[in-house]
Amino acid sequence: MDIQKMIDAILRQKINLTRDELVQMIEEKKQKIGAGYLTDQGALFLVAADLGIVLEEMPRLEMSLKDVYAGAKEVSVLARIMNIYPLKRYRRKDGSEARLRTLVIYDNDTRLKVKLWDDMAELPDKLGLKPGDAVKISKAYARAGMDGKITINAGARTAIEIVNDNVPQIRDIDSLTRDVGEITDLEENIAVSGTVKVSPRISSFTNFRGEPSKVLHMQIAGTDGKTFRVVIWNIDEERVPKILSINSRIKLIGVRTKRGQYGDTELHGDEGTVMELIDEQQEIEVMPLRIISVSKGVGKKEESFALAVDRAKHIFTIVMDEPFVEQLKVNSIMECVPSRIYGTTLLLQEDAYVRVSDDDPSFPDATLLECKIKDIKPLQDLYFLEAITLSAAKVQDIQTKDGNSVRYAEIMLGDDTAEMRLVGWRETASMIANLSIGQRIKVYGVMAYTGRDGNTELRLKPFSSIIRV
């Protein structure tokens, strides 16, 4: 074995050891044994033994992933990377810190998870691993998880190296990706492509560990026009393209199919899912808008929202950080360069640009967006209306399937064309709670759905607002 390859093999297994330190150890070993007894390569064998590495062992043949079984030791596989999960930190029972990084690897038959523990958890960053890379994993071991699925575990003796040679026997990510319209069965760890058909949105939730997190919702369609609901849990916005618009063509790597509430097929992903634009990323340009409403400190996270309109009467929802809240006033005109654009949702974060300008009559005001109740349909549109409350507010706590209690409120609205129920869940229930019968109100930024009784109803969103006339 070439001495440089021997050095590389040791450094791959001892990631905290530098090349210079290893060379110094070789020199010290030669001096300790005595001049004339060892070559550099001979000294390296002894240094490797001191480090618990056996260099003379012949390389093992790689197993196919389908042949890996629970309890297997000295596992060696050749595969490609599908997903790389963020680093997680835990506390062991003895109080020490444990680090964990999870990979999903694949060959032509099987997908498996690989768990990298402690020092090995830093390896993906050190090697610059990315989806599609071919890797060789040696001296690992396999266990069955709580769900019975096989997982490869990498410990202190495990070596992971990038295979730079051509590996035609394992398809690359592009060859693995299928048009979403071809999906018919329940599958895990798949790569699909499609076109965004409904404005993407990100909302907050509390995960099973009680930590605040975010989830991305959207719909994508295949070339045959068939649409699929997409839900990406625990999303990191830094891993989402800055502009994700309707009709964007995207690739999702590492999602699974699931049956939805009505038996349709959905795509679900998580923090390891990769989302890529197929077409070139657009630049975010200056957007002039009129502010229609502002909602401050909504919900437990006290988020702030605004609704805005452009000259063409396109409605935008703005999610903004605290520094921008006082800048935006109802009916003012602003020019902004958002941090991110998800369909019709604009994010104003610390890197956004906002400038309030003089009034411009070419922008429509809120009254031009208002509609009559008879024209409201259960679509993905935002509605604006003026109406009268026809009942007192009904407020109650409702028990959900998971045992939690959530606040619910409803009230009946009417105008000169029809009547319709307005409902609010969780934090939006408080918008309805203080309304009384016979009040004239403007309701801005609500969505229409088909209720459990089959009738269309209006539902408040965190960015909605109710204005007493």
Protein backbone atom coordinates (compact mmCIF):
# COMPACT_ATOMS: atom_id res chain seq x y z
CA MET A 1 0.00 0.00 0.00
CA ASP A 2 1.33 3.47 -0.92
CA ILE A 3 2.37 5.49 2.14
CA GLN A 4 0.24 8.48 1.14
CA LYS A 5 -2.81 6.23 0.84
CA MET A 6 -1.95 4.79 4.26
CA ILE A 7 -1.79 8.30 5.71
CA ASP A 8 -5.09 9.20 4.04
CA ALA A 9 -6.70 6.04 5.42
CA ILE A 10 -5.61 6.92 8.97
CA LEU A 11 -6.78 10.53 8.68
CA ARG A 12 -10.19 9.41 7.47
CA GLN A 13 -10.63 7.34 10.59
CA LYS A 14 -9.06 9.82 13.00
CA ILE A 15 -10.70 13.04 11.89
CA ASN A 16 -9.30 15.04 14.81
CA LEU A 17 -5.72 14.18 13.77
CA THR A 18 -3.98 16.50 11.30
CA ARG A 19 -1.54 15.41 8.61
CA ASP A 20 1.30 17.36 10.24
CA GLU A 21 0.63 15.69 13.59
CA LEU A 22 0.67 12.26 11.96
CA VAL A 23 3.99 12.97 10.17
CA GLN A 24 5.45 14.13 13.51
CA MET A 25 4.28 10.85 15.14
CA ILE A 26 6.07 8.91 12.36
CA GLU A 27 9.33 10.79 13.03
CA GLU A 28 9.01 10.30 16.79
CA LYS A 29 8.42 6.54 16.30
CA LYS A 30 11.53 6.25 14.11
CA GLN A 31 13.64 8.08 16.72
CA LYS A 32 12.28 5.93 19.54
CA ILE A 33 13.02 2.63 17.76
CA GLY A 34 16.43 3.84 16.59
CA ALA A 35 18.01 5.02 13.37
CA GLY A 36 18.37 2.47 10.60
CA TYR A 37 15.58 0.14 11.80
CA LEU A 38 12.45 1.67 10.22
CA THR A 39 11.37 3.26 7.00
CA ASP A 40 8.61 5.91 7.11
CA GLN A 41 6.14 3.24 6.00
CA GLY A 42 7.30 0.80 8.67
CA ALA A 43 6.97 3.47 11.34
CA LEU A 44 3.49 4.29 10.07
CA PHE A 45 2.37 0.68 10.65
CA LEU A 46 3.43 0.99 14.29
CA VAL A 47 1.78 4.41 14.66
CA ALA A 48 -1.42 2.98 13.17
CA ALA A 49 -1.34 0.13 15.69
CA ASP A 50 -0.95 2.67 18.52
CA LEU A 51 -4.08 4.39 17.19
CA GLY A 52 -6.01 1.11 17.02
CA ILE A 53 -5.94 0.92 13.21
CA VAL A 54 -4.86 -2.27 11.39
CA LEU A 55 -3.48 -1.23 8.01
CA GLU A 56 -2.44 -4.65 6.77
CA GLU A 57 -5.99 -5.97 6.82
CA MET A 58 -7.19 -6.71 3.32
CA PRO A 59 -10.15 -4.62 2.20
CA ARG A 60 -13.48 -6.43 2.48
CA LEU A 61 -15.90 -6.79 -0.39
CA GLU A 62 -18.78 -4.32 -0.21
CA MET A 63 -22.22 -5.68 0.64
CA SER A 64 -25.37 -4.68 -1.20
CA LEU A 65 -27.60 -2.63 1.09
CA LYS A 66 -30.35 -5.23 0.83
CA ASP A 67 -27.95 -7.79 2.37
CA VAL A 68 -27.20 -5.74 5.50
CA TYR A 69 -28.82 -7.42 8.51
CA ALA A 70 -29.32 -6.54 12.17
CA GLY A 71 -26.28 -7.56 14.20
CA ALA A 72 -23.87 -7.46 11.26
CA LYS A 73 -20.35 -6.29 12.13
CA GLU A 74 -17.50 -5.09 9.95
CA VAL A 75 -20.10 -3.84 7.45
CA SER A 76 -18.64 -2.41 4.23
CA VAL A 77 -20.92 -0.88 1.60
CA LEU A 78 -20.67 1.20 -1.55
CA ALA A 79 -23.60 3.60 -2.00
CA ARG A 80 -24.66 7.13 -2.89
CA ILE A 81 -25.82 9.87 -0.54
CA MET A 82 -29.49 10.84 -0.75
CA ASN A 83 -29.94 13.04 2.33
CA ILE A 84 -27.77 14.60 5.02
CA TYR A 85 -29.58 15.60 8.21
CA PRO A 86 -28.56 18.49 10.48
CA LEU A 87 -26.31 17.77 13.46
CA LYS A 88 -28.20 16.97 16.67
CA ARG A 89 -26.90 17.09 20.22
CA TYR A 90 -28.16 15.03 23.15
CA ARG A 91 -27.37 14.57 26.80
CA ARG A 92 -26.48 11.04 27.90
CA LYS A 93 -27.58 9.68 31.26
CA ASP A 94 -24.13 10.43 32.66
CA GLY A 95 -24.46 14.08 31.62
CA SER A 96 -21.99 13.92 28.72
CA GLU A 97 -22.90 15.27 25.30
CA ALA A 98 -23.67 12.97 22.38
CA ARG A 99 -23.60 14.20 18.78
CA LEU A 100 -25.55 12.52 16.00
CA ARG A 101 -25.71 13.01 12.25
CA THR A 102 -27.98 10.90 10.08
CA LEU A 103 -27.43 10.12 6.39
CA VAL A 104 -29.72 8.32 3.98
CA ILE A 105 -27.79 6.25 1.45
CA TYR A 106 -29.00 4.21 -1.50
CA ASP A 107 -27.95 1.73 -4.12
CA ASN A 108 -30.09 0.29 -6.90
CA ASP A 109 -32.12 -1.91 -4.54
CA THR A 110 -32.40 -0.33 -1.12
CA ARG A 111 -32.28 2.85 0.98
CA LEU A 112 -30.82 2.76 4.50
CA LYS A 113 -30.11 5.29 7.22
CA VAL A 114 -26.56 5.71 8.52
CA LYS A 115 -26.04 7.14 12.01
CA LEU A 116 -22.77 8.95 12.64
CA TRP A 117 -21.96 9.31 16.34
CA ASP A 118 -19.82 11.88 18.16
CA ASP A 119 -16.62 12.73 16.22
CA MET A 120 -17.94 10.94 13.15
CA ALA A 121 -20.92 13.33 13.15
CA GLU A 122 -18.59 16.09 11.90
CA LEU A 123 -17.42 14.04 8.93
CA PRO A 124 -20.06 15.15 6.35
CA ASP A 125 -18.90 18.76 6.73
CA LYS A 126 -15.21 17.86 6.73
CA LEU A 127 -15.59 15.82 3.54
CA GLY A 128 -18.04 18.26 1.95
CA LEU A 129 -20.57 15.48 1.31
CA LYS A 130 -23.61 16.30 -0.80
CA PRO A 131 -26.56 14.36 -2.25
CA GLY A 132 -25.48 12.13 -5.12
CA ASP A 133 -21.91 11.57 -3.88
CA ALA A 134 -20.71 7.97 -4.05
CA VAL A 135 -19.17 6.84 -0.74
CA LYS A 136 -17.54 3.74 0.67
CA ILE A 137 -18.34 2.96 4.31
CA SER A 138 -16.12 0.43 6.07
CA LYS A 139 -16.00 -1.21 9.53
CA ALA A 140 -19.53 -0.14 10.47
CA TYR A 141 -22.15 -2.22 12.27
CA ALA A 142 -25.88 -2.69 11.78
CA ARG A 143 -28.77 -2.61 14.24
CA ALA A 144 -32.55 -2.71 14.05
CA GLY A 145 -34.31 0.43 15.22
CA MET A 146 -37.44 0.71 17.33
CA ASP A 147 -39.45 0.45 14.09
CA GLY A 148 -37.63 -2.75 13.09
CA LYS A 149 -35.81 -1.06 10.20
CA ILE A 150 -32.10 -1.73 9.69
CA THR A 151 -29.73 1.15 10.43
CA ILE A 152 -25.98 1.28 9.76
CA ASN A 153 -24.04 2.79 12.66
CA ALA A 154 -20.63 4.40 12.33
CA GLY A 155 -18.33 4.37 15.35
CA ALA A 156 -14.73 5.27 16.10
CA ARG A 157 -13.35 2.50 13.83
CA THR A 158 -15.59 3.32 10.89
CA ALA A 159 -14.10 4.87 7.76
CA ILE A 160 -16.09 6.88 5.22
CA GLU A 161 -14.49 8.00 1.98
CA ILE A 162 -15.75 9.69 -1.16
CA VAL A 163 -15.38 7.51 -4.25
CA ASN A 164 -14.22 9.87 -6.97
CA ASP A 165 -14.12 7.14 -9.62
CA ASN A 166 -17.13 6.65 -11.86
CA VAL A 167 -19.73 4.42 -10.18
CA PRO A 168 -22.12 3.62 -13.07
CA GLN A 169 -23.65 0.65 -11.24
CA ILE A 170 -25.50 3.02 -8.87
CA ARG A 171 -27.80 5.59 -10.48
CA ASP A 172 -27.16 9.25 -9.74
CA ILE A 173 -29.84 11.54 -8.26
CA ASP A 174 -31.01 12.83 -11.66
CA SER A 175 -31.52 9.28 -12.95
CA LEU A 176 -33.31 8.37 -9.73
CA THR A 177 -35.76 11.31 -9.92
CA ARG A 178 -39.25 10.57 -11.25
CA ASP A 179 -42.03 12.87 -12.37
CA VAL A 180 -44.43 13.14 -9.45
CA GLY A 181 -47.32 12.08 -11.67
CA GLU A 182 -45.76 8.60 -11.91
CA ILE A 183 -46.13 8.00 -8.16
CA THR A 184 -48.86 5.46 -7.40
CA ASP A 185 -47.72 3.41 -4.39
CA LEU A 186 -46.63 4.16 -0.83
CA GLU A 187 -42.85 4.60 -0.94
CA GLU A 188 -40.06 6.00 1.24
CA ASN A 189 -36.92 7.97 0.43
CA ILE A 190 -37.80 8.86 -3.14
CA ALA A 191 -36.83 11.76 -5.40
CA VAL A 192 -39.53 13.47 -7.46
CA SER A 193 -39.91 16.49 -9.73
CA GLY A 194 -42.96 18.66 -10.35
CA THR A 195 -44.35 22.15 -10.81
CA VAL A 196 -45.57 24.31 -7.92
CA LYS A 197 -49.31 24.87 -8.36
CA VAL A 198 -50.45 26.50 -5.10
CA SER A 199 -48.66 29.32 -3.30
CA PRO A 200 -46.20 27.77 -0.78
CA ARG A 201 -46.60 28.81 2.85
CA ILE A 202 -44.61 28.24 6.02
CA SER A 203 -46.35 28.02 9.39
CA SER A 204 -45.19 27.44 12.95
CA PHE A 205 -45.93 24.44 15.15
CA THR A 206 -44.59 22.72 18.26
CA ASN A 207 -42.86 19.39 17.54
CA PHE A 208 -43.10 16.20 19.64
CA ARG A 209 -40.14 17.35 21.77
CA GLY A 210 -42.02 20.52 22.70
CA GLU A 211 -39.71 22.69 20.56
CA PRO A 212 -40.92 25.44 18.21
CA SER A 213 -40.55 24.45 14.59
CA LYS A 214 -41.83 25.28 11.09
CA VAL A 215 -43.62 23.36 8.36
CA LEU A 216 -43.83 24.10 4.62
CA HIS A 217 -47.08 23.43 2.73
CA MET A 218 -47.54 23.51 -1.04
CA GLN A 219 -48.96 21.56 -3.96
CA ILE A 220 -47.01 20.31 -6.96
CA ALA A 221 -48.21 18.77 -10.21
CA GLY A 222 -46.70 16.28 -12.62
CA THR A 223 -46.59 16.58 -16.39
CA ASP A 224 -49.98 14.89 -16.51
CA GLY A 225 -51.50 17.68 -14.39
CA LYS A 226 -52.16 15.45 -11.36
CA THR A 227 -51.52 17.41 -8.15
CA PHE A 228 -50.05 16.27 -4.84
CA ARG A 229 -50.09 17.99 -1.47
CA VAL A 230 -46.55 18.44 -0.10
CA VAL A 231 -45.72 18.85 3.61
CA ILE A 232 -42.10 19.36 4.73
CA TRP A 233 -41.79 19.17 8.54
CA ASN A 234 -39.14 20.90 10.67
CA ILE A 235 -38.15 22.97 7.65
CA ASP A 236 -35.02 25.12 7.78
CA GLU A 237 -35.71 28.20 5.66
CA GLU A 238 -32.03 28.42 4.72
CA ARG A 239 -32.49 25.17 2.77
CA VAL A 240 -35.47 26.52 0.79
CA PRO A 241 -34.87 28.51 -2.44
CA LYS A 242 -35.23 32.26 -1.82
CA ILE A 243 -37.91 32.52 -4.51
CA LEU A 244 -40.43 29.69 -4.67
CA SER A 245 -43.22 30.86 -6.94
CA ILE A 246 -46.26 29.31 -8.54
CA ASN A 247 -45.13 27.47 -11.72
CA SER A 248 -41.58 26.99 -10.36
CA ARG A 249 -40.22 23.59 -11.38
CA ILE A 250 -38.67 21.85 -8.39
CA LYS A 251 -37.00 18.62 -7.35
CA LEU A 252 -37.65 17.05 -3.92
CA ILE A 253 -35.02 14.56 -2.73
CA GLY A 254 -35.85 12.32 0.19
CA VAL A 255 -39.63 12.37 0.61
CA ARG A 256 -42.16 9.65 1.34
CA THR A 257 -45.71 9.09 0.17
CA LYS A 258 -48.61 8.95 2.60
CA ARG A 259 -52.38 8.60 2.35
CA GLY A 260 -54.15 11.87 3.11
CA GLN A 261 -57.33 12.38 5.09
CA TYR A 262 -59.48 11.70 2.02
CA GLY A 263 -57.43 8.80 0.65
CA ASP A 264 -55.36 10.86 -1.79
CA THR A 265 -51.57 10.52 -1.99
CA GLU A 266 -49.45 13.17 -0.25
CA LEU A 267 -45.69 13.78 -0.16
CA HIS A 268 -44.11 14.28 3.26
CA GLY A 269 -40.53 15.30 4.03
CA ASP A 270 -38.53 16.57 6.97
CA GLU A 271 -35.40 18.52 7.88
CA GLY A 272 -33.27 16.19 5.75
CA THR A 273 -35.31 16.69 2.57
CA VAL A 274 -33.51 18.55 -0.22
CA MET A 275 -35.48 21.03 -2.31
CA GLU A 276 -33.89 22.23 -5.56
CA LEU A 277 -35.08 24.50 -8.35
CA ILE A 278 -34.80 22.84 -11.74
CA ASP A 279 -34.68 26.20 -13.53
CA GLU A 280 -32.24 29.00 -12.78
CA GLN A 281 -32.82 30.91 -9.52
CA GLN A 282 -34.33 34.37 -10.10
CA GLU A 283 -33.05 37.52 -8.42
CA ILE A 284 -35.34 39.27 -5.92
CA GLU A 285 -36.28 42.70 -7.24
CA VAL A 286 -37.79 45.81 -5.67
CA MET A 287 -41.54 45.41 -5.07
CA PRO A 288 -43.77 48.50 -4.66
CA LEU A 289 -46.91 47.74 -2.59
CA ARG A 290 -49.76 49.39 -0.71
CA ILE A 291 -50.28 48.19 2.88
CA ILE A 292 -53.89 47.14 3.51
CA SER A 293 -53.71 45.94 7.11
CA VAL A 294 -51.16 45.29 9.87
CA SER A 295 -51.48 42.67 12.63
CA LYS A 296 -48.99 42.87 15.51
CA GLY A 297 -47.99 40.32 18.13
CA VAL A 298 -50.23 37.45 16.98
CA GLY A 299 -50.20 34.15 18.89
CA LYS A 300 -47.76 32.75 21.41
CA LYS A 301 -44.79 33.67 19.23
CA GLU A 302 -46.15 37.24 18.87
CA GLU A 303 -45.56 37.27 15.13
CA SER A 304 -46.43 40.33 13.05
CA PHE A 305 -48.13 40.28 9.66
CA ALA A 306 -49.34 42.68 6.99
CA LEU A 307 -51.51 42.40 3.89
CA ALA A 308 -50.48 44.35 0.80
CA VAL A 309 -51.53 44.84 -2.82
CA ASP A 310 -49.63 45.76 -5.98
CA ARG A 311 -50.88 47.84 -8.90
CA ALA A 312 -52.32 44.74 -10.62
CA LYS A 313 -54.44 43.90 -7.53
CA HIS A 314 -52.27 40.92 -6.58
CA ILE A 315 -52.54 40.29 -2.84
CA PHE A 316 -49.46 39.51 -0.73
CA THR A 317 -49.10 38.33 2.85
CA ILE A 318 -46.10 39.82 4.65
CA VAL A 319 -44.41 38.13 7.61
CA MET A 320 -42.09 40.64 9.23
CA ASP A 321 -39.46 40.87 11.94
CA GLU A 322 -39.84 43.40 14.74
CA PRO A 323 -37.76 46.26 13.19
CA PHE A 324 -40.23 46.59 10.29
CA VAL A 325 -43.46 46.62 12.32
CA GLU A 326 -43.46 50.35 13.09
CA GLN A 327 -42.47 51.29 9.54
CA LEU A 328 -45.54 49.82 7.91
CA LYS A 329 -48.75 51.81 8.32
CA VAL A 330 -52.18 51.01 6.91
CA ASN A 331 -52.70 52.59 3.46
CA SER A 332 -49.03 53.60 3.11
CA ILE A 333 -46.96 52.84 0.00
CA MET A 334 -43.70 50.98 0.44
CA GLU A 335 -40.88 49.71 -1.72
CA CYS A 336 -39.30 46.51 -0.46
CA VAL A 337 -36.78 43.85 -1.34
CA PRO A 338 -37.99 40.84 0.67
CA SER A 339 -35.63 38.31 2.21
CA ARG A 340 -37.66 35.49 0.68
CA ILE A 341 -40.70 35.06 -1.58
CA TYR A 342 -42.90 31.98 -1.22
CA GLY A 343 -45.63 32.41 -3.81
CA THR A 344 -47.67 35.34 -2.45
CA THR A 345 -45.96 35.35 0.96
CA LEU A 346 -43.12 37.82 1.51
CA LEU A 347 -40.65 37.50 4.39
CA LEU A 348 -39.11 40.67 5.76
CA GLN A 349 -36.13 39.54 7.83
CA GLU A 350 -32.98 41.36 8.91
CA ASP A 351 -31.52 41.38 5.38
CA ALA A 352 -34.69 42.87 3.77
CA TYR A 353 -34.92 46.42 2.44
CA VAL A 354 -37.98 48.62 3.11
CA ARG A 355 -38.63 52.26 2.21
CA VAL A 356 -41.95 54.02 2.78
CA SER A 357 -42.76 56.42 -0.07
CA ASP A 358 -45.42 59.02 -0.91
CA ASP A 359 -48.96 57.96 -1.69
CA ASP A 360 -49.58 56.76 -5.22
CA PRO A 361 -53.19 56.72 -6.49
CA SER A 362 -52.29 54.09 -9.11
CA PHE A 363 -52.38 51.49 -6.33
CA PRO A 364 -55.84 50.15 -5.42
CA ASP A 365 -57.03 50.66 -1.86
CA ALA A 366 -58.75 48.02 0.25
CA THR A 367 -62.30 49.02 -0.76
CA LEU A 368 -61.59 48.02 -4.37
CA LEU A 369 -60.74 44.49 -3.18
CA GLU A 370 -63.98 43.94 -1.26
CA CYS A 371 -66.48 41.39 -2.54
CA LYS A 372 -70.01 40.26 -1.74
CA ILE A 373 -70.69 37.12 0.28
CA LYS A 374 -72.55 35.44 -2.61
CA ASP A 375 -69.35 35.55 -4.70
CA ILE A 376 -67.20 33.73 -2.13
CA LYS A 377 -66.12 30.20 -3.15
CA PRO A 378 -63.91 27.63 -1.31
CA LEU A 379 -60.75 28.38 -3.28
CA GLN A 380 -57.16 29.29 -2.35
CA ASP A 381 -57.90 33.03 -2.63
CA LEU A 382 -57.89 35.67 0.11
CA TYR A 383 -61.20 37.49 0.53
CA PHE A 384 -62.01 41.02 1.70
CA LEU A 385 -65.57 41.98 2.64
CA GLU A 386 -67.78 44.33 4.63
CA ALA A 387 -70.66 42.74 6.54
CA ILE A 388 -72.90 42.89 9.63
CA THR A 389 -72.71 40.42 12.51
CA LEU A 390 -76.02 38.53 12.67
CA SER A 391 -75.37 36.59 15.88
CA ALA A 392 -73.44 36.82 19.09
CA ALA A 393 -70.01 35.25 19.11
CA LYS A 394 -69.94 31.60 20.17
CA VAL A 395 -66.65 30.63 21.86
CA GLN A 396 -65.67 27.21 23.20
CA ASP A 397 -62.69 24.93 23.86
CA ILE A 398 -62.60 21.84 21.67
CA GLN A 399 -60.73 18.63 22.44
CA THR A 400 -58.55 17.40 19.55
CA LYS A 401 -57.71 13.79 18.69
CA ASP A 402 -54.30 14.07 20.38
CA GLY A 403 -55.92 15.20 23.65
CA ASN A 404 -55.09 18.89 23.39
CA SER A 405 -57.65 21.63 23.95
CA VAL A 406 -57.91 24.42 21.37
CA ARG A 407 -60.02 27.59 21.37
CA TYR A 408 -62.74 27.88 18.70
CA ALA A 409 -65.05 30.80 17.91
CA GLU A 410 -67.73 31.44 15.30
CA ILE A 411 -70.18 34.17 14.32
CA MET A 412 -72.69 34.60 11.50
CA LEU A 413 -72.13 37.42 8.98
CA GLY A 414 -74.44 38.86 6.36
CA ASP A 415 -74.60 41.49 3.63
CA ASP A 416 -77.24 42.36 1.05
CA THR A 417 -76.51 39.19 -0.96
CA ALA A 418 -76.11 36.24 1.47
CA GLU A 419 -75.08 35.01 4.91
CA MET A 420 -71.98 33.01 5.89
CA ARG A 421 -70.32 31.74 9.05
CA LEU A 422 -66.93 33.21 10.12
CA VAL A 423 -64.77 30.94 12.30
CA GLY A 424 -61.48 31.28 14.13
CA TRP A 425 -59.22 28.62 15.63
CA ARG A 426 -56.55 29.01 18.31
CA GLU A 427 -55.14 32.55 18.36
CA THR A 428 -57.59 33.84 15.73
CA ALA A 429 -60.59 32.92 17.94
CA SER A 430 -59.89 36.05 20.01
CA MET A 431 -60.68 38.25 16.98
CA ILE A 432 -64.28 36.99 17.07
CA ALA A 433 -64.76 36.68 20.84
CA ASN A 434 -65.43 40.38 21.47
CA LEU A 435 -67.85 40.91 18.58
CA SER A 436 -71.53 41.45 19.35
CA ILE A 437 -74.68 41.20 17.26
CA GLY A 438 -75.47 44.02 14.84
CA GLN A 439 -71.92 45.37 14.35
CA ARG A 440 -70.68 46.53 10.96
CA ILE A 441 -67.19 45.16 10.32
CA LYS A 442 -64.63 44.78 7.57
CA VAL A 443 -62.97 41.37 7.43
CA TYR A 444 -59.69 41.37 5.51
CA GLY A 445 -57.56 38.43 4.45
CA VAL A 446 -59.83 35.44 5.15
CA MET A 447 -60.03 32.15 3.27
CA ALA A 448 -63.09 30.11 2.34
CA TYR A 449 -63.47 26.39 3.00
CA THR A 450 -66.21 23.80 2.90
CA GLY A 451 -67.33 23.24 6.50
CA ARG A 452 -68.31 19.94 8.10
CA ASP A 453 -71.96 20.67 7.29
CA GLY A 454 -71.15 21.03 3.58
CA ASN A 455 -71.62 24.83 3.56
CA THR A 456 -68.93 27.33 2.66
CA GLU A 457 -67.46 29.11 5.69
CA LEU A 458 -64.86 31.83 6.19
CA ARG A 459 -61.80 31.07 8.33
CA LEU A 460 -59.55 33.64 9.90
CA LYS A 461 -55.79 33.27 9.46
CA PRO A 462 -53.05 34.74 11.68
CA PHE A 463 -52.58 37.55 9.14
CA SER A 464 -56.34 38.33 8.90
CA SER A 465 -57.80 41.46 10.47
CA ILE A 466 -61.26 42.59 11.60
CA ILE A 467 -61.97 46.33 11.50
CA ARG A 468 -65.05 47.79 13.18
CA VAL A 469 -66.74 50.34 10.91
